[in-house]
């Protein structure tokens, strides 16, 4: 699967993303004096955070209906639920353990007022719904594209494609190097350039590890199975929703904000001082979700126990070429 043809779509997707990022940076840097929103009411968005979750829920409902009407997609359906079972708890864990270290939720009337106990305080229940529905909309949109809209570019037979595969886990050194460079760059910026050296970029480090650890172990295997055209649709759909949701509504109206001491210190002034970590989340979520989904499909197609499928049989590995 590791051919020039399988690598090219991956490169094109990230080239398009890079071009958009460069254009956005050049444009946003022209805002030398950002305008500050002045609310005209003490409660400008009643239940705003709660209602905003329909940005995810409505697409999920439509895509879930399509999914349910496709009895032939039993294999992707099983992989979908296993992927959600892996990723959603990680989002919940972030909130329970680190939510109050990374975020604040100043606009209480924008939520239902139902809080979940967490380390350092409590977290609005909307946060947990966000993680669940966020992963679901990403995965359902990818599956819809992979199995219908862009089905011409998917892998039609996983059992045939995985035949002879010794193991799923294959070390991808480029992911590790990229992760270390990003973390080092974040620390250097915080300590030397941000003007607030007392803080530490814990949130960025968490995001980098969450995105690049799966990539370090699975990208070599998953790359040839990912429908990169479907991935591009999912990536840019999530980007559009996030721009509407976080930049236009959440930050200006205080549904949540970021704790400066846990950030890199690099902000986008034109977007209500949005930390650079937020766009990183938008990009990382799609990438990690799709990799995990494809790896689970590969595992089930191999038809072996998890230990054997992921790490291979010791006797077989001795004959594996380096």
C-alpha atoms as a PDB file:
ATOM      1  CA  UNK A   1       0.000   0.000   0.000  1.00  0.00           C
ATOM      2  CA  UNK A   2       3.002   2.315   0.491  1.00  0.00           C
ATOM      3  CA  UNK A   3       3.179   3.476  -3.119  1.00  0.00           C
ATOM      4  CA  UNK A   4       3.599   6.858  -4.747  1.00  0.00           C
ATOM      5  CA  UNK A   5      -0.084   6.802  -5.649  1.00  0.00           C
ATOM      6  CA  UNK A   6      -1.146   6.272  -2.018  1.00  0.00           C
ATOM      7  CA  UNK A   7       1.151   9.010  -0.741  1.00  0.00           C
ATOM      8  CA  UNK A   8       0.154  11.647  -3.272  1.00  0.00           C
ATOM      9  CA  UNK A   9      -3.417  12.338  -2.004  1.00  0.00           C
ATOM     10  CA  UNK A  10      -2.059  12.708   1.547  1.00  0.00           C
ATOM     11  CA  UNK A  11       0.459  15.273   0.347  1.00  0.00           C
ATOM     12  CA  UNK A  12      -2.152  17.188  -1.637  1.00  0.00           C
ATOM     13  CA  UNK A  13      -4.532  17.441   1.336  1.00  0.00           C
ATOM     14  CA  UNK A  14      -1.876  18.924   3.575  1.00  0.00           C
ATOM     15  CA  UNK A  15      -0.578  21.189   0.801  1.00  0.00           C
ATOM     16  CA  UNK A  16      -4.082  22.675   0.449  1.00  0.00           C
ATOM     17  CA  UNK A  17      -4.298  23.123   4.227  1.00  0.00           C
ATOM     18  CA  UNK A  18      -0.877  24.798   4.284  1.00  0.00           C
ATOM     19  CA  UNK A  19      -1.881  27.244   1.549  1.00  0.00           C
ATOM     20  CA  UNK A  20      -5.039  28.197   3.456  1.00  0.00           C
ATOM     21  CA  UNK A  21      -3.085  28.628   6.685  1.00  0.00           C
ATOM     22  CA  UNK A  22      -0.531  30.907   5.008  1.00  0.00           C
ATOM     23  CA  UNK A  23      -3.279  33.022   3.431  1.00  0.00           C
ATOM     24  CA  UNK A  24      -5.108  33.259   6.770  1.00  0.00           C
ATOM     25  CA  UNK A  25      -1.951  34.300   8.627  1.00  0.00           C
ATOM     26  CA  UNK A  26      -1.169  37.053   6.131  1.00  0.00           C
ATOM     27  CA  UNK A  27      -4.735  38.350   6.326  1.00  0.00           C
ATOM     28  CA  UNK A  28      -5.202  38.164  10.098  1.00  0.00           C
ATOM     29  CA  UNK A  29      -1.887  39.916  10.753  1.00  0.00           C
ATOM     30  CA  UNK A  30      -3.337  43.068   9.184  1.00  0.00           C
ATOM     31  CA  UNK A  31      -5.583  43.494  12.241  1.00  0.00           C
ATOM     32  CA  UNK A  32      -3.316  45.658  14.371  1.00  0.00           C
ATOM     33  CA  UNK A  33      -6.054  46.821  16.772  1.00  0.00           C
ATOM     34  CA  UNK A  34      -8.714  44.134  17.268  1.00  0.00           C
ATOM     35  CA  UNK A  35     -12.260  45.266  17.978  1.00  0.00           C
ATOM     36  CA  UNK A  36     -13.591  44.166  21.383  1.00  0.00           C
ATOM     37  CA  UNK A  37     -17.210  42.983  21.575  1.00  0.00           C
ATOM     38  CA  UNK A  38     -19.306  44.946  24.082  1.00  0.00           C
ATOM     39  CA  UNK A  39     -22.393  42.926  25.165  1.00  0.00           C
ATOM     40  CA  UNK A  40     -25.562  44.964  25.593  1.00  0.00           C
ATOM     41  CA  UNK A  41     -26.974  42.587  28.201  1.00  0.00           C
ATOM     42  CA  UNK A  42     -25.795  40.623  31.216  1.00  0.00           C
ATOM     43  CA  UNK A  43     -27.079  37.485  29.464  1.00  0.00           C
ATOM     44  CA  UNK A  44     -26.552  38.064  25.725  1.00  0.00           C
ATOM     45  CA  UNK A  45     -26.789  34.365  24.727  1.00  0.00           C
ATOM     46  CA  UNK A  46     -29.317  32.480  26.899  1.00  0.00           C
ATOM     47  CA  UNK A  47     -28.403  28.781  26.700  1.00  0.00           C
ATOM     48  CA  UNK A  48     -26.157  29.688  23.775  1.00  0.00           C
ATOM     49  CA  UNK A  49     -23.595  26.945  24.417  1.00  0.00           C
ATOM     50  CA  UNK A  50     -26.370  24.378  24.835  1.00  0.00           C
ATOM     51  CA  UNK A  51     -28.173  25.282  21.606  1.00  0.00           C
ATOM     52  CA  UNK A  52     -24.887  25.558  19.687  1.00  0.00           C
ATOM     53  CA  UNK A  53     -24.363  21.807  20.070  1.00  0.00           C
ATOM     54  CA  UNK A  54     -26.964  21.395  17.331  1.00  0.00           C
ATOM     55  CA  UNK A  55     -24.169  22.407  14.953  1.00  0.00           C
ATOM     56  CA  UNK A  56     -23.005  18.836  15.588  1.00  0.00           C
ATOM     57  CA  UNK A  57     -26.270  17.111  16.483  1.00  0.00           C
ATOM     58  CA  UNK A  58     -28.193  17.987  13.308  1.00  0.00           C
ATOM     59  CA  UNK A  59     -25.492  16.707  10.899  1.00  0.00           C
ATOM     60  CA  UNK A  60     -25.139  13.617  13.099  1.00  0.00           C
ATOM     61  CA  UNK A  61     -28.875  12.929  12.849  1.00  0.00           C
ATOM     62  CA  UNK A  62     -28.841  13.201   9.046  1.00  0.00           C
ATOM     63  CA  UNK A  63     -25.711  11.093   8.624  1.00  0.00           C
ATOM     64  CA  UNK A  64     -26.888   8.519  11.178  1.00  0.00           C
ATOM     65  CA  UNK A  65     -30.137   8.094   9.233  1.00  0.00           C
ATOM     66  CA  UNK A  66     -28.156   7.449   6.059  1.00  0.00           C
ATOM     67  CA  UNK A  67     -25.900   5.027   7.939  1.00  0.00           C
ATOM     68  CA  UNK A  68     -28.866   3.143   9.398  1.00  0.00           C
ATOM     69  CA  UNK A  69     -30.383   2.768   5.913  1.00  0.00           C
ATOM     70  CA  UNK A  70     -27.271   0.998   4.646  1.00  0.00           C
ATOM     71  CA  UNK A  71     -27.400  -2.610   5.934  1.00  0.00           C
ATOM     72  CA  UNK A  72     -24.439  -3.426   3.691  1.00  0.00           C
ATOM     73  CA  UNK A  73     -22.160  -1.293   5.884  1.00  0.00           C
ATOM     74  CA  UNK A  74     -22.001  -3.727   8.789  1.00  0.00           C
ATOM     75  CA  UNK A  75     -18.188  -3.694   8.819  1.00  0.00           C
ATOM     76  CA  UNK A  76     -17.821   0.137   8.951  1.00  0.00           C
ATOM     77  CA  UNK A  77     -20.664   0.317  11.495  1.00  0.00           C
ATOM     78  CA  UNK A  78     -18.852  -1.981  13.923  1.00  0.00           C
ATOM     79  CA  UNK A  79     -15.632   0.001  13.441  1.00  0.00           C
ATOM     80  CA  UNK A  80     -17.541   3.267  14.017  1.00  0.00           C
ATOM     81  CA  UNK A  81     -18.787   2.239  17.457  1.00  0.00           C
ATOM     82  CA  UNK A  82     -15.411   0.854  18.486  1.00  0.00           C
ATOM     83  CA  UNK A  83     -13.729   4.114  17.461  1.00  0.00           C
ATOM     84  CA  UNK A  84     -16.203   6.197  19.456  1.00  0.00           C
ATOM     85  CA  UNK A  85     -15.691   3.864  22.426  1.00  0.00           C
ATOM     86  CA  UNK A  86     -11.953   4.613  22.248  1.00  0.00           C
ATOM     87  CA  UNK A  87     -11.983   8.360  21.559  1.00  0.00           C
ATOM     88  CA  UNK A  88     -14.961   9.731  23.516  1.00  0.00           C
ATOM     89  CA  UNK A  89     -13.572   8.583  26.893  1.00  0.00           C
ATOM     90  CA  UNK A  90     -10.289  10.335  26.065  1.00  0.00           C
ATOM     91  CA  UNK A  91     -12.220  13.578  25.600  1.00  0.00           C
ATOM     92  CA  UNK A  92     -14.072  12.986  28.863  1.00  0.00           C
ATOM     93  CA  UNK A  93     -10.762  12.271  30.595  1.00  0.00           C
ATOM     94  CA  UNK A  94      -9.343  15.570  29.339  1.00  0.00           C
ATOM     95  CA  UNK A  95     -12.252  17.420  30.927  1.00  0.00           C
ATOM     96  CA  UNK A  96     -12.275  15.509  34.207  1.00  0.00           C
ATOM     97  CA  UNK A  97      -8.518  15.672  34.806  1.00  0.00           C
ATOM     98  CA  UNK A  98      -7.411  18.847  33.020  1.00  0.00           C
ATOM     99  CA  UNK A  99     -10.534  20.812  32.059  1.00  0.00           C
ATOM    100  CA  UNK A 100     -10.195  23.354  34.857  1.00  0.00           C
ATOM    101  CA  UNK A 101      -6.449  23.631  34.278  1.00  0.00           C
ATOM    102  CA  UNK A 102      -6.932  24.582  30.617  1.00  0.00           C
ATOM    103  CA  UNK A 103     -10.344  26.303  30.457  1.00  0.00           C
ATOM    104  CA  UNK A 104     -12.729  28.606  32.292  1.00  0.00           C
ATOM    105  CA  UNK A 105     -16.477  28.916  31.698  1.00  0.00           C
ATOM    106  CA  UNK A 106     -17.420  32.465  32.675  1.00  0.00           C
ATOM    107  CA  UNK A 107     -20.868  32.660  31.023  1.00  0.00           C
ATOM    108  CA  UNK A 108     -22.945  30.324  33.191  1.00  0.00           C
ATOM    109  CA  UNK A 109     -26.341  31.394  31.701  1.00  0.00           C
ATOM    110  CA  UNK A 110     -25.106  30.074  28.333  1.00  0.00           C
ATOM    111  CA  UNK A 111     -25.373  26.535  29.728  1.00  0.00           C
ATOM    112  CA  UNK A 112     -28.064  24.397  31.373  1.00  0.00           C
ATOM    113  CA  UNK A 113     -26.336  24.844  34.723  1.00  0.00           C
ATOM    114  CA  UNK A 114     -25.779  21.090  35.087  1.00  0.00           C
ATOM    115  CA  UNK A 115     -22.171  20.591  36.159  1.00  0.00           C
ATOM    116  CA  UNK A 116     -20.085  17.420  36.288  1.00  0.00           C
ATOM    117  CA  UNK A 117     -17.573  17.054  39.144  1.00  0.00           C
ATOM    118  CA  UNK A 118     -13.989  17.265  37.932  1.00  0.00           C
ATOM    119  CA  UNK A 119     -10.523  17.889  39.254  1.00  0.00           C
ATOM    120  CA  UNK A 120     -10.250  21.490  40.413  1.00  0.00           C
ATOM    121  CA  UNK A 121     -13.974  22.215  40.270  1.00  0.00           C
ATOM    122  CA  UNK A 122     -16.850  21.299  37.994  1.00  0.00           C
ATOM    123  CA  UNK A 123     -17.368  21.267  34.220  1.00  0.00           C
ATOM    124  CA  UNK A 124     -20.600  22.105  32.335  1.00  0.00           C
ATOM    125  CA  UNK A 125     -22.285  18.994  30.976  1.00  0.00           C
ATOM    126  CA  UNK A 126     -22.207  20.631  27.546  1.00  0.00           C
ATOM    127  CA  UNK A 127     -18.454  19.974  27.425  1.00  0.00           C
ATOM    128  CA  UNK A 128     -18.989  16.227  27.607  1.00  0.00           C
ATOM    129  CA  UNK A 129     -21.720  16.350  24.968  1.00  0.00           C
ATOM    130  CA  UNK A 130     -19.326  18.361  22.793  1.00  0.00           C
ATOM    131  CA  UNK A 131     -16.619  15.677  22.911  1.00  0.00           C
ATOM    132  CA  UNK A 132     -19.058  12.880  22.162  1.00  0.00           C
ATOM    133  CA  UNK A 133     -20.828  14.658  19.291  1.00  0.00           C
ATOM    134  CA  UNK A 134     -17.596  16.146  17.955  1.00  0.00           C
ATOM    135  CA  UNK A 135     -15.996  12.761  17.426  1.00  0.00           C
ATOM    136  CA  UNK A 136     -19.257  11.403  16.011  1.00  0.00           C
ATOM    137  CA  UNK A 137     -19.719  14.151  13.408  1.00  0.00           C
ATOM    138  CA  UNK A 138     -16.102  13.837  12.274  1.00  0.00           C
ATOM    139  CA  UNK A 139     -16.332  10.080  11.921  1.00  0.00           C
ATOM    140  CA  UNK A 140     -19.789   9.973  10.335  1.00  0.00           C
ATOM    141  CA  UNK A 141     -18.878  12.603   7.746  1.00  0.00           C
ATOM    142  CA  UNK A 142     -15.717  10.660   6.867  1.00  0.00           C
ATOM    143  CA  UNK A 143     -17.637   7.386   6.575  1.00  0.00           C
ATOM    144  CA  UNK A 144     -20.318   9.034   4.406  1.00  0.00           C
ATOM    145  CA  UNK A 145     -17.664  10.335   2.032  1.00  0.00           C
ATOM    146  CA  UNK A 146     -15.667   7.112   2.113  1.00  0.00           C
ATOM    147  CA  UNK A 147     -18.633   4.845   1.461  1.00  0.00           C
ATOM    148  CA  UNK A 148     -20.766   7.073  -0.784  1.00  0.00           C
ATOM    149  CA  UNK A 149     -19.665  10.532  -1.886  1.00  0.00           C
ATOM    150  CA  UNK A 150     -16.063   9.594  -2.671  1.00  0.00           C
ATOM    151  CA  UNK A 151     -16.376   5.799  -2.661  1.00  0.00           C
ATOM    152  CA  UNK A 152     -14.338   5.512  -5.858  1.00  0.00           C
ATOM    153  CA  UNK A 153     -11.215   6.235  -3.797  1.00  0.00           C
ATOM    154  CA  UNK A 154     -11.722   3.886  -0.836  1.00  0.00           C
ATOM    155  CA  UNK A 155     -10.326   0.426  -0.176  1.00  0.00           C
ATOM    156  CA  UNK A 156     -13.117  -1.949  -1.280  1.00  0.00           C
ATOM    157  CA  UNK A 157     -11.823  -5.148   0.320  1.00  0.00           C
ATOM    158  CA  UNK A 158      -9.936  -4.848   3.596  1.00  0.00           C
ATOM    159  CA  UNK A 159      -9.406  -8.582   3.954  1.00  0.00           C
ATOM    160  CA  UNK A 160      -7.606  -8.715   0.611  1.00  0.00           C
ATOM    161  CA  UNK A 161      -5.689  -5.485   1.315  1.00  0.00           C
ATOM    162  CA  UNK A 162      -4.448  -6.720   4.687  1.00  0.00           C
ATOM    163  CA  UNK A 163      -3.511 -10.207   3.516  1.00  0.00           C
ATOM    164  CA  UNK A 164       0.040 -10.949   4.544  1.00  0.00           C
ATOM    165  CA  UNK A 165       0.237  -7.965   6.926  1.00  0.00           C
ATOM    166  CA  UNK A 166       2.514  -8.986   9.791  1.00  0.00           C
ATOM    167  CA  UNK A 167       1.536  -6.300  12.268  1.00  0.00           C
ATOM    168  CA  UNK A 168      -0.310  -2.994  12.482  1.00  0.00           C
ATOM    169  CA  UNK A 169       2.130  -1.113  14.691  1.00  0.00           C
ATOM    170  CA  UNK A 170       4.996   0.251  12.608  1.00  0.00           C
ATOM    171  CA  UNK A 171       7.163   3.029  14.006  1.00  0.00           C
ATOM    172  CA  UNK A 172       6.888   6.325  12.110  1.00  0.00           C
ATOM    173  CA  UNK A 173       9.935   8.361  13.083  1.00  0.00           C
ATOM    174  CA  UNK A 174       8.777  11.513  11.248  1.00  0.00           C
ATOM    175  CA  UNK A 175       5.766  11.811  13.591  1.00  0.00           C
ATOM    176  CA  UNK A 176       7.986  11.569  16.665  1.00  0.00           C
ATOM    177  CA  UNK A 177      10.458  14.123  15.297  1.00  0.00           C
ATOM    178  CA  UNK A 178       7.636  16.503  14.356  1.00  0.00           C
ATOM    179  CA  UNK A 179       6.082  16.131  17.813  1.00  0.00           C
ATOM    180  CA  UNK A 180       9.366  16.845  19.588  1.00  0.00           C
ATOM    181  CA  UNK A 181      10.050  19.868  17.371  1.00  0.00           C
ATOM    182  CA  UNK A 182       6.557  21.269  17.996  1.00  0.00           C
ATOM    183  CA  UNK A 183       6.798  20.791  21.761  1.00  0.00           C
ATOM    184  CA  UNK A 184      10.275  22.333  21.891  1.00  0.00           C
ATOM    185  CA  UNK A 185       9.103  25.273  19.778  1.00  0.00           C
ATOM    186  CA  UNK A 186       6.091  25.829  22.055  1.00  0.00           C
ATOM    187  CA  UNK A 187       8.271  25.864  25.179  1.00  0.00           C
ATOM    188  CA  UNK A 188      10.824  28.220  23.630  1.00  0.00           C
ATOM    189  CA  UNK A 189       8.086  30.627  22.510  1.00  0.00           C
ATOM    190  CA  UNK A 190       6.406  30.603  25.926  1.00  0.00           C
ATOM    191  CA  UNK A 191       9.612  31.135  27.867  1.00  0.00           C
ATOM    192  CA  UNK A 192      11.429  33.563  25.574  1.00  0.00           C
ATOM    193  CA  UNK A 193       8.947  35.313  23.285  1.00  0.00           C
ATOM    194  CA  UNK A 194       5.495  35.349  24.851  1.00  0.00           C
ATOM    195  CA  UNK A 195       6.218  38.015  27.444  1.00  0.00           C
ATOM    196  CA  UNK A 196       4.862  35.702  30.186  1.00  0.00           C
ATOM    197  CA  UNK A 197       7.614  33.150  30.881  1.00  0.00           C
ATOM    198  CA  UNK A 198       6.009  32.011  34.145  1.00  0.00           C
ATOM    199  CA  UNK A 199       3.477  29.829  32.319  1.00  0.00           C
ATOM    200  CA  UNK A 200       3.972  26.536  30.531  1.00  0.00           C
ATOM    201  CA  UNK A 201       2.257  25.258  27.319  1.00  0.00           C
ATOM    202  CA  UNK A 202       0.670  22.167  28.878  1.00  0.00           C
ATOM    203  CA  UNK A 203      -2.398  22.254  26.650  1.00  0.00           C
ATOM    204  CA  UNK A 204      -0.359  22.262  23.443  1.00  0.00           C
ATOM    205  CA  UNK A 205       1.805  19.431  24.765  1.00  0.00           C
ATOM    206  CA  UNK A 206      -1.322  17.404  25.537  1.00  0.00           C
ATOM    207  CA  UNK A 207      -2.734  18.015  22.050  1.00  0.00           C
ATOM    208  CA  UNK A 208       0.556  17.156  20.359  1.00  0.00           C
ATOM    209  CA  UNK A 209       0.851  13.863  22.233  1.00  0.00           C
ATOM    210  CA  UNK A 210      -2.815  12.989  21.623  1.00  0.00           C
ATOM    211  CA  UNK A 211      -2.420  13.528  17.866  1.00  0.00           C
ATOM    212  CA  UNK A 212       1.098  12.290  17.196  1.00  0.00           C
ATOM    213  CA  UNK A 213       1.287   9.233  19.442  1.00  0.00           C
ATOM    214  CA  UNK A 214      -1.304   7.384  17.306  1.00  0.00           C
ATOM    215  CA  UNK A 215       0.449   8.703  14.214  1.00  0.00           C
ATOM    216  CA  UNK A 216       3.840   7.486  15.441  1.00  0.00           C
ATOM    217  CA  UNK A 217       2.561   3.950  15.836  1.00  0.00           C
ATOM    218  CA  UNK A 218      -0.036   3.619  13.096  1.00  0.00           C
ATOM    219  CA  UNK A 219       0.498   6.142  10.297  1.00  0.00           C
ATOM    220  CA  UNK A 220       2.717   3.888   8.171  1.00  0.00           C
ATOM    221  CA  UNK A 221       0.026   1.226   8.167  1.00  0.00           C
ATOM    222  CA  UNK A 222      -3.054   3.459   7.982  1.00  0.00           C
ATOM    223  CA  UNK A 223      -1.789   5.855   5.294  1.00  0.00           C
ATOM    224  CA  UNK A 224      -2.608   3.586   2.376  1.00  0.00           C
ATOM    225  CA  UNK A 225      -6.079   2.779   3.740  1.00  0.00           C
ATOM    226  CA  UNK A 226      -7.240   6.325   4.488  1.00  0.00           C
ATOM    227  CA  UNK A 227      -9.463   7.834   1.817  1.00  0.00           C
ATOM    228  CA  UNK A 228      -7.647  11.153   1.707  1.00  0.00           C
ATOM    229  CA  UNK A 229     -10.276  12.836  -0.438  1.00  0.00           C
ATOM    230  CA  UNK A 230     -12.907  11.879   2.133  1.00  0.00           C
ATOM    231  CA  UNK A 231     -10.568  13.067   4.858  1.00  0.00           C
ATOM    232  CA  UNK A 232     -10.208  16.462   3.170  1.00  0.00           C
ATOM    233  CA  UNK A 233     -13.990  16.914   3.134  1.00  0.00           C
ATOM    234  CA  UNK A 234     -14.187  16.028   6.829  1.00  0.00           C
ATOM    235  CA  UNK A 235     -11.261  18.275   7.710  1.00  0.00           C
ATOM    236  CA  UNK A 236     -12.651  21.346   5.970  1.00  0.00           C
ATOM    237  CA  UNK A 237     -16.184  20.684   7.255  1.00  0.00           C
ATOM    238  CA  UNK A 238     -14.896  20.677  10.835  1.00  0.00           C
ATOM    239  CA  UNK A 239     -12.863  23.795  10.102  1.00  0.00           C
ATOM    240  CA  UNK A 240     -16.000  25.605   8.876  1.00  0.00           C
ATOM    241  CA  UNK A 241     -18.072  24.547  11.899  1.00  0.00           C
ATOM    242  CA  UNK A 242     -15.283  25.506  14.312  1.00  0.00           C
ATOM    243  CA  UNK A 243     -14.870  28.961  12.777  1.00  0.00           C
ATOM    244  CA  UNK A 244     -18.594  29.592  13.106  1.00  0.00           C
ATOM    245  CA  UNK A 245     -18.820  28.082  16.576  1.00  0.00           C
ATOM    246  CA  UNK A 246     -15.701  29.077  18.494  1.00  0.00           C
ATOM    247  CA  UNK A 247     -14.465  32.195  16.723  1.00  0.00           C
ATOM    248  CA  UNK A 248     -17.851  33.820  16.048  1.00  0.00           C
ATOM    249  CA  UNK A 249     -19.751  32.802  19.175  1.00  0.00           C
ATOM    250  CA  UNK A 250     -18.011  30.933  21.986  1.00  0.00           C
ATOM    251  CA  UNK A 251     -15.043  33.190  22.686  1.00  0.00           C
ATOM    252  CA  UNK A 252     -16.732  36.581  22.114  1.00  0.00           C
ATOM    253  CA  UNK A 253     -19.631  35.616  24.390  1.00  0.00           C
ATOM    254  CA  UNK A 254     -17.596  33.827  27.048  1.00  0.00           C
ATOM    255  CA  UNK A 255     -19.054  30.338  26.715  1.00  0.00           C
ATOM    256  CA  UNK A 256     -15.540  29.213  27.488  1.00  0.00           C
ATOM    257  CA  UNK A 257     -12.099  30.758  27.560  1.00  0.00           C
ATOM    258  CA  UNK A 258      -8.552  29.465  27.822  1.00  0.00           C
ATOM    259  CA  UNK A 259      -6.277  29.823  30.828  1.00  0.00           C
ATOM    260  CA  UNK A 260      -3.345  31.892  29.610  1.00  0.00           C
ATOM    261  CA  UNK A 261      -0.869  30.248  31.975  1.00  0.00           C
ATOM    262  CA  UNK A 262      -1.378  26.847  30.279  1.00  0.00           C
ATOM    263  CA  UNK A 263      -1.080  28.127  26.689  1.00  0.00           C
ATOM    264  CA  UNK A 264       1.837  28.895  24.390  1.00  0.00           C
ATOM    265  CA  UNK A 265       0.973  32.587  24.530  1.00  0.00           C
ATOM    266  CA  UNK A 266       0.542  32.965  20.762  1.00  0.00           C
ATOM    267  CA  UNK A 267      -2.911  34.442  20.071  1.00  0.00           C
ATOM    268  CA  UNK A 268      -4.975  35.473  17.058  1.00  0.00           C
ATOM    269  CA  UNK A 269      -6.078  38.997  17.933  1.00  0.00           C
ATOM    270  CA  UNK A 270      -8.681  39.313  15.173  1.00  0.00           C
ATOM    271  CA  UNK A 271     -10.436  36.232  16.597  1.00  0.00           C
ATOM    272  CA  UNK A 272     -10.977  37.486  20.163  1.00  0.00           C
ATOM    273  CA  UNK A 273      -7.428  36.524  21.168  1.00  0.00           C
ATOM    274  CA  UNK A 274      -8.029  32.910  20.213  1.00  0.00           C
ATOM    275  CA  UNK A 275      -5.004  30.850  21.331  1.00  0.00           C
ATOM    276  CA  UNK A 276      -3.178  29.070  18.531  1.00  0.00           C
ATOM    277  CA  UNK A 277      -3.983  25.810  20.315  1.00  0.00           C
ATOM    278  CA  UNK A 278      -7.635  26.041  19.181  1.00  0.00           C
ATOM    279  CA  UNK A 279      -6.938  25.708  15.423  1.00  0.00           C
ATOM    280  CA  UNK A 280      -4.527  22.909  16.312  1.00  0.00           C
ATOM    281  CA  UNK A 281      -7.453  21.066  17.924  1.00  0.00           C
ATOM    282  CA  UNK A 282      -9.538  21.471  14.756  1.00  0.00           C
ATOM    283  CA  UNK A 283      -6.787  19.894  12.682  1.00  0.00           C
ATOM    284  CA  UNK A 284      -5.736  17.195  15.146  1.00  0.00           C
ATOM    285  CA  UNK A 285      -9.231  15.864  15.866  1.00  0.00           C
ATOM    286  CA  UNK A 286      -9.928  14.898  12.240  1.00  0.00           C
ATOM    287  CA  UNK A 287      -6.495  13.356  11.779  1.00  0.00           C
ATOM    288  CA  UNK A 288      -6.566  11.278  14.968  1.00  0.00           C
ATOM    289  CA  UNK A 289     -10.185  10.163  14.539  1.00  0.00           C
ATOM    290  CA  UNK A 290      -9.660   8.885  11.005  1.00  0.00           C
ATOM    291  CA  UNK A 291      -6.409   7.081  11.864  1.00  0.00           C
ATOM    292  CA  UNK A 292      -8.022   5.284  14.815  1.00  0.00           C
ATOM    293  CA  UNK A 293     -11.040   4.322  12.698  1.00  0.00           C
ATOM    294  CA  UNK A 294      -8.916   2.910   9.886  1.00  0.00           C
ATOM    295  CA  UNK A 295      -6.670   1.028  12.301  1.00  0.00           C
ATOM    296  CA  UNK A 296      -9.697  -0.611  13.908  1.00  0.00           C
ATOM    297  CA  UNK A 297     -10.958  -1.644  10.455  1.00  0.00           C
ATOM    298  CA  UNK A 298      -7.564  -3.119   9.627  1.00  0.00           C
ATOM    299  CA  UNK A 299      -7.506  -5.004  12.927  1.00  0.00           C
ATOM    300  CA  UNK A 300     -10.961  -6.498  12.356  1.00  0.00           C
ATOM    301  CA  UNK A 301     -10.071  -7.409   8.754  1.00  0.00           C
ATOM    302  CA  UNK A 302      -7.000  -9.303   9.950  1.00  0.00           C
ATOM    303  CA  UNK A 303      -9.235 -11.471  12.120  1.00  0.00           C
ATOM    304  CA  UNK A 304      -6.569 -11.965  14.775  1.00  0.00           C
ATOM    305  CA  UNK A 305      -6.438 -11.234  18.473  1.00  0.00           C
ATOM    306  CA  UNK A 306      -5.390  -7.695  19.340  1.00  0.00           C
ATOM    307  CA  UNK A 307      -1.879  -8.567  20.569  1.00  0.00           C
ATOM    308  CA  UNK A 308      -1.104 -10.610  17.470  1.00  0.00           C
ATOM    309  CA  UNK A 309      -2.681  -8.116  15.056  1.00  0.00           C
ATOM    310  CA  UNK A 310      -0.989  -5.041  16.470  1.00  0.00           C
ATOM    311  CA  UNK A 311       2.434  -6.427  17.340  1.00  0.00           C
ATOM    312  CA  UNK A 312       2.635  -9.631  15.314  1.00  0.00           C
ATOM    313  CA  UNK A 313       3.670 -13.114  16.245  1.00  0.00           C
ATOM    314  CA  UNK A 314       7.243 -13.227  17.548  1.00  0.00           C
ATOM    315  CA  UNK A 315       8.215 -16.064  15.227  1.00  0.00           C
ATOM    316  CA  UNK A 316       6.809 -14.244  12.215  1.00  0.00           C
ATOM    317  CA  UNK A 317       8.507 -10.958  13.150  1.00  0.00           C
ATOM    318  CA  UNK A 318      11.947 -12.584  12.991  1.00  0.00           C
ATOM    319  CA  UNK A 319      11.476 -12.965   9.262  1.00  0.00           C
ATOM    320  CA  UNK A 320      10.138  -9.448   8.733  1.00  0.00           C
ATOM    321  CA  UNK A 321      12.369  -7.287   6.544  1.00  0.00           C
ATOM    322  CA  UNK A 322      13.819  -4.209   8.208  1.00  0.00           C
END
